[in-house]
Amino acid sequence: MAVESRFDEYPNASSLRYVRGSSGFAGFAKGAFDLAQLKEFHETIKRWFPDRYKEWGTEQIASNFAISNSPGGIVLPFPKYANYVPDDDTSTSSFLHFIGTYRYDNDFLANAGKRVIAELRAPRP
């Protein structure tokens, strides 16, 4: 949020886009973004936050920036694609990303995996 709060100061901010998303779902088409632009983004953010830039999470900001400014970049629909958060309703999700914080929470991931394996092994009519 610290970086996002300064995006209006970013060079040519009015001609760029940004969407907050999960890097766990990111896909990058070959040649879909300008590598020089991404390097400039990296250097700018590093100048703004030299110490914090080394922290976990900065890769997500760069990923969101790259996809947002890629021709044809799309945001996958929520809640079909979602991050697992305890107590959230995931019944309509087709794909869940398990961030480190919740990866082992209540054995949800392991139990979901066992359920899917059992469904795949079940005889088909």
C-alpha atoms as a PDB file:
ATOM      1  CA  MET A   1       0.000   0.000   0.000  1.00  0.00           C
ATOM      2  CA  ALA A   2       2.939   2.315   0.616  1.00  0.00           C
ATOM      3  CA  VAL A   3       4.029   2.080  -3.024  1.00  0.00           C
ATOM      4  CA  GLU A   4       0.483   2.264  -4.346  1.00  0.00           C
ATOM      5  CA  SER A   5      -0.128   5.456  -2.370  1.00  0.00           C
ATOM      6  CA  ARG A   6       2.594   7.202  -4.412  1.00  0.00           C
ATOM      7  CA  PHE A   7       1.641   6.061  -7.903  1.00  0.00           C
ATOM      8  CA  ASP A   8       0.382   9.529  -8.775  1.00  0.00           C
ATOM      9  CA  GLU A   9       4.042  10.656  -8.484  1.00  0.00           C
ATOM     10  CA  TYR A  10       5.262   8.024 -10.911  1.00  0.00           C
ATOM     11  CA  PRO A  11       6.548   9.386 -14.259  1.00  0.00           C
ATOM     12  CA  ASN A  12       3.722   9.423 -16.834  1.00  0.00           C
ATOM     13  CA  ALA A  13       1.339   8.029 -14.226  1.00  0.00           C
ATOM     14  CA  SER A  14      -1.701   9.273 -16.127  1.00  0.00           C
ATOM     15  CA  SER A  15      -0.819   7.086 -19.128  1.00  0.00           C
ATOM     16  CA  LEU A  16      -0.201   3.910 -17.102  1.00  0.00           C
ATOM     17  CA  ARG A  17      -2.461   1.434 -15.362  1.00  0.00           C
ATOM     18  CA  TYR A  18      -2.253  -0.569 -12.170  1.00  0.00           C
ATOM     19  CA  VAL A  19      -4.473  -3.205 -10.659  1.00  0.00           C
ATOM     20  CA  ARG A  20      -4.015  -4.913  -7.334  1.00  0.00           C
ATOM     21  CA  GLY A  21      -3.969  -8.644  -7.809  1.00  0.00           C
ATOM     22  CA  SER A  22      -2.276 -11.795  -6.642  1.00  0.00           C
ATOM     23  CA  SER A  23       1.064 -12.759  -8.144  1.00  0.00           C
ATOM     24  CA  GLY A  24      -0.010 -16.318  -7.483  1.00  0.00           C
ATOM     25  CA  PHE A  25      -2.216 -16.052 -10.572  1.00  0.00           C
ATOM     26  CA  ALA A  26       0.130 -14.026 -12.768  1.00  0.00           C
ATOM     27  CA  GLY A  27       0.931 -15.155 -16.256  1.00  0.00           C
ATOM     28  CA  PHE A  28       3.287 -13.319 -18.569  1.00  0.00           C
ATOM     29  CA  ALA A  29       3.057 -13.710 -22.319  1.00  0.00           C
ATOM     30  CA  LYS A  30       6.373 -13.611 -24.146  1.00  0.00           C
ATOM     31  CA  GLY A  31       7.034 -10.037 -25.281  1.00  0.00           C
ATOM     32  CA  ALA A  32       3.831  -8.746 -23.678  1.00  0.00           C
ATOM     33  CA  PHE A  33       5.484  -6.017 -21.636  1.00  0.00           C
ATOM     34  CA  ASP A  34       8.294  -3.583 -22.140  1.00  0.00           C
ATOM     35  CA  LEU A  35      11.307  -4.851 -20.197  1.00  0.00           C
ATOM     36  CA  ALA A  36      12.876  -1.372 -20.123  1.00  0.00           C
ATOM     37  CA  GLN A  37       9.658   0.012 -18.613  1.00  0.00           C
ATOM     38  CA  LEU A  38       9.665  -2.704 -15.981  1.00  0.00           C
ATOM     39  CA  LYS A  39      13.309  -2.005 -15.110  1.00  0.00           C
ATOM     40  CA  GLU A  40      12.498   1.704 -14.736  1.00  0.00           C
ATOM     41  CA  PHE A  41       9.580   0.789 -12.490  1.00  0.00           C
ATOM     42  CA  HIS A  42      11.925  -1.330 -10.373  1.00  0.00           C
ATOM     43  CA  GLU A  43      14.491   1.470 -10.060  1.00  0.00           C
ATOM     44  CA  THR A  44      11.862   4.087  -9.214  1.00  0.00           C
ATOM     45  CA  ILE A  45      10.268   1.993  -6.493  1.00  0.00           C
ATOM     46  CA  LYS A  46      13.684   1.082  -5.106  1.00  0.00           C
ATOM     47  CA  ARG A  47      14.551   4.810  -4.870  1.00  0.00           C
ATOM     48  CA  TRP A  48      11.265   5.535  -3.102  1.00  0.00           C
ATOM     49  CA  PHE A  49      11.612   2.704  -0.588  1.00  0.00           C
ATOM     50  CA  PRO A  50      15.247   1.511  -0.496  1.00  0.00           C
ATOM     51  CA  ASP A  51      14.886  -0.554   2.677  1.00  0.00           C
ATOM     52  CA  ARG A  52      11.357  -1.829   2.230  1.00  0.00           C
ATOM     53  CA  TYR A  53      12.034  -2.851  -1.357  1.00  0.00           C
ATOM     54  CA  LYS A  54      13.889  -5.885  -0.047  1.00  0.00           C
ATOM     55  CA  GLU A  55      10.845  -7.108   1.866  1.00  0.00           C
ATOM     56  CA  TRP A  56       8.422  -9.826   0.873  1.00  0.00           C
ATOM     57  CA  GLY A  57       5.642  -8.514  -1.347  1.00  0.00           C
ATOM     58  CA  THR A  58       7.516  -6.182  -3.669  1.00  0.00           C
ATOM     59  CA  GLU A  59       7.463  -8.780  -6.432  1.00  0.00           C
ATOM     60  CA  GLN A  60       3.682  -8.543  -6.366  1.00  0.00           C
ATOM     61  CA  ILE A  61       3.759  -4.820  -7.096  1.00  0.00           C
ATOM     62  CA  ALA A  62       6.017  -5.316 -10.110  1.00  0.00           C
ATOM     63  CA  SER A  63       3.918  -8.238 -11.319  1.00  0.00           C
ATOM     64  CA  ASN A  64       0.719  -6.170 -11.073  1.00  0.00           C
ATOM     65  CA  PHE A  65       2.372  -3.275 -12.903  1.00  0.00           C
ATOM     66  CA  ALA A  66       3.666  -5.506 -15.714  1.00  0.00           C
ATOM     67  CA  ILE A  67       0.336  -7.204 -16.321  1.00  0.00           C
ATOM     68  CA  SER A  68      -1.656  -3.975 -16.037  1.00  0.00           C
ATOM     69  CA  ASN A  69       0.440  -2.376 -18.750  1.00  0.00           C
ATOM     70  CA  SER A  70       0.594  -5.388 -21.064  1.00  0.00           C
ATOM     71  CA  PRO A  71      -1.579  -5.184 -24.177  1.00  0.00           C
ATOM     72  CA  GLY A  72      -4.534  -7.476 -23.609  1.00  0.00           C
ATOM     73  CA  GLY A  73      -3.731  -7.988 -19.939  1.00  0.00           C
ATOM     74  CA  ILE A  74      -6.774  -9.166 -18.021  1.00  0.00           C
ATOM     75  CA  VAL A  75      -7.826  -9.569 -14.423  1.00  0.00           C
ATOM     76  CA  LEU A  76      -9.236 -12.984 -13.622  1.00  0.00           C
ATOM     77  CA  PRO A  77     -12.728 -12.828 -12.107  1.00  0.00           C
ATOM     78  CA  PHE A  78     -13.153 -13.058  -8.367  1.00  0.00           C
ATOM     79  CA  PRO A  79     -14.307 -15.255  -6.624  1.00  0.00           C
ATOM     80  CA  LYS A  80     -13.738 -17.875  -9.339  1.00  0.00           C
ATOM     81  CA  TYR A  81     -10.007 -17.196  -8.832  1.00  0.00           C
ATOM     82  CA  ALA A  82      -9.268 -16.271  -5.231  1.00  0.00           C
ATOM     83  CA  ASN A  83      -6.727 -16.373  -2.464  1.00  0.00           C
ATOM     84  CA  TYR A  84      -7.635 -18.734   0.322  1.00  0.00           C
ATOM     85  CA  VAL A  85      -8.541 -16.873   3.487  1.00  0.00           C
ATOM     86  CA  PRO A  86      -9.934 -18.786   6.467  1.00  0.00           C
ATOM     87  CA  ASP A  87     -13.697 -18.507   6.857  1.00  0.00           C
ATOM     88  CA  ASP A  88     -14.187 -17.095   3.326  1.00  0.00           C
ATOM     89  CA  ASP A  89     -16.777 -18.891   1.216  1.00  0.00           C
ATOM     90  CA  THR A  90     -14.777 -20.711  -1.460  1.00  0.00           C
ATOM     91  CA  SER A  91     -17.678 -22.773  -2.796  1.00  0.00           C
ATOM     92  CA  THR A  92     -17.768 -20.837  -6.089  1.00  0.00           C
ATOM     93  CA  SER A  93     -13.991 -20.765  -6.542  1.00  0.00           C
ATOM     94  CA  SER A  94     -12.473 -22.916  -9.260  1.00  0.00           C
ATOM     95  CA  PHE A  95      -8.897 -22.066  -8.371  1.00  0.00           C
ATOM     96  CA  LEU A  96      -7.442 -21.083  -5.005  1.00  0.00           C
ATOM     97  CA  HIS A  97      -4.027 -19.651  -4.297  1.00  0.00           C
ATOM     98  CA  PHE A  98      -2.609 -20.458  -0.888  1.00  0.00           C
ATOM     99  CA  ILE A  99      -0.329 -17.688   0.344  1.00  0.00           C
ATOM    100  CA  GLY A 100       2.242 -18.684   2.926  1.00  0.00           C
ATOM    101  CA  THR A 101       0.260 -17.203   5.793  1.00  0.00           C
ATOM    102  CA  TYR A 102      -2.629 -19.618   5.271  1.00  0.00           C
ATOM    103  CA  ARG A 103      -1.023 -22.497   3.387  1.00  0.00           C
ATOM    104  CA  TYR A 104      -1.349 -24.889   6.323  1.00  0.00           C
ATOM    105  CA  ASP A 105      -4.339 -23.316   8.058  1.00  0.00           C
ATOM    106  CA  ASN A 106      -6.664 -26.025   9.395  1.00  0.00           C
ATOM    107  CA  ASP A 107      -5.208 -28.488   6.834  1.00  0.00           C
ATOM    108  CA  PHE A 108      -7.554 -26.962   4.241  1.00  0.00           C
ATOM    109  CA  LEU A 109      -5.094 -27.384   1.343  1.00  0.00           C
ATOM    110  CA  ALA A 110      -4.199 -30.982   2.238  1.00  0.00           C
ATOM    111  CA  ASN A 111      -7.844 -31.947   2.743  1.00  0.00           C
ATOM    112  CA  ALA A 112      -8.914 -30.269  -0.503  1.00  0.00           C
ATOM    113  CA  GLY A 113      -6.171 -32.168  -2.331  1.00  0.00           C
ATOM    114  CA  LYS A 114      -7.326 -35.484  -0.848  1.00  0.00           C
ATOM    115  CA  ARG A 115     -10.915 -34.697  -1.845  1.00  0.00           C
ATOM    116  CA  VAL A 116      -9.939 -33.931  -5.443  1.00  0.00           C
ATOM    117  CA  ILE A 117      -7.807 -37.089  -5.682  1.00  0.00           C
ATOM    118  CA  ALA A 118     -10.718 -39.165  -4.392  1.00  0.00           C
ATOM    119  CA  GLU A 119     -13.058 -37.549  -6.950  1.00  0.00           C
ATOM    120  CA  LEU A 120     -10.612 -38.274  -9.770  1.00  0.00           C
ATOM    121  CA  ARG A 121     -10.278 -41.915  -8.678  1.00  0.00           C
ATOM    122  CA  ALA A 122     -14.013 -42.441  -8.359  1.00  0.00           C
ATOM    123  CA  PRO A 123     -15.566 -44.688 -11.031  1.00  0.00           C
ATOM    124  CA  ARG A 124     -17.336 -42.825 -13.804  1.00  0.00           C
ATOM    125  CA  PRO A 125     -20.891 -43.820 -14.751  1.00  0.00           C
END
